[in-house]
Protein backbone atom coordinates (compact mmCIF):
# COMPACT_ATOMS: atom_id res chain seq x y z
CA UNK A 1 -37.07 -0.04 3.16
CA UNK A 2 -38.23 3.55 3.78
CA UNK A 3 -40.78 5.02 1.72
CA UNK A 4 -38.68 8.22 1.12
CA UNK A 5 -36.30 6.37 -0.46
CA UNK A 6 -38.22 5.72 -3.91
CA UNK A 7 -39.38 9.49 -4.20
CA UNK A 8 -35.61 10.53 -3.52
CA UNK A 9 -34.80 8.29 -6.64
CA UNK A 10 -37.31 9.18 -8.60
CA UNK A 11 -35.95 13.10 -8.36
CA UNK A 12 -32.99 12.31 -8.82
CA UNK A 13 -33.64 10.11 -12.44
CA UNK A 14 -36.16 13.33 -12.92
CA UNK A 15 -33.23 15.74 -12.16
CA UNK A 16 -30.77 14.18 -14.62
CA UNK A 17 -33.17 13.73 -17.64
CA UNK A 18 -33.89 17.26 -17.65
CA UNK A 19 -30.34 17.80 -17.16
CA UNK A 20 -29.38 15.48 -20.30
CA UNK A 21 -32.39 16.52 -22.55
CA UNK A 22 -30.97 20.77 -21.61
CA UNK A 23 -27.28 19.70 -22.13
CA UNK A 24 -28.20 18.25 -25.48
CA UNK A 25 -30.49 21.09 -26.78
CA UNK A 26 -27.80 23.62 -25.64
CA UNK A 27 -25.21 21.48 -27.98
CA UNK A 28 -27.55 21.23 -30.79
CA UNK A 29 -27.58 25.39 -31.13
CA UNK A 30 -26.52 26.82 -34.36
CA UNK A 31 -23.79 28.81 -33.20
CA UNK A 32 -21.72 25.43 -32.09
CA UNK A 33 -22.13 24.51 -35.49
CA UNK A 34 -18.80 26.16 -36.95
CA UNK A 35 -17.08 24.80 -33.39
CA UNK A 36 -18.31 21.25 -33.75
CA UNK A 37 -17.12 21.23 -37.63
CA UNK A 38 -13.42 22.77 -36.81
CA UNK A 39 -13.17 20.01 -34.21
CA UNK A 40 -14.38 17.06 -36.46
CA UNK A 41 -11.63 18.51 -39.07
CA UNK A 42 -8.91 18.64 -36.39
CA UNK A 43 -8.10 14.83 -37.00
CA UNK A 44 -7.91 15.03 -41.05
CA UNK A 45 -5.21 18.37 -40.13
CA UNK A 46 -2.70 15.74 -37.84
CA UNK A 47 -3.50 13.09 -40.72
CA UNK A 48 -1.93 15.70 -43.09
CA UNK A 49 0.92 16.78 -41.21
CA UNK A 50 2.50 13.32 -40.26
CA UNK A 51 2.25 12.51 -43.83
CA UNK A 52 3.70 15.72 -44.96
CA UNK A 53 6.18 15.28 -42.53
CA UNK A 54 7.02 11.58 -43.70
CA UNK A 55 7.13 12.77 -47.44
CA UNK A 56 9.64 15.49 -46.55
CA UNK A 57 11.75 12.82 -44.58
CA UNK A 58 11.51 10.21 -47.45
CA UNK A 59 12.60 12.99 -49.83
CA UNK A 60 15.58 13.83 -47.85
CA UNK A 61 16.69 10.01 -47.85
CA UNK A 62 16.47 10.09 -51.83
CA UNK A 63 19.12 13.12 -52.25
């Protein structure tokens, strides 16, 4: 096996680790909190809108 292969693997691993840590730091910045909080509430809003339409159908059915 060529010794350069080991250096390429080591450099690519280092680059990927730096990218991972950089992305992690960028995502955990305070300015992203508002967006992430809003995105975290999306499943609850879908569930509530589904319940509203279900209750509307049931109320029409009982009339």
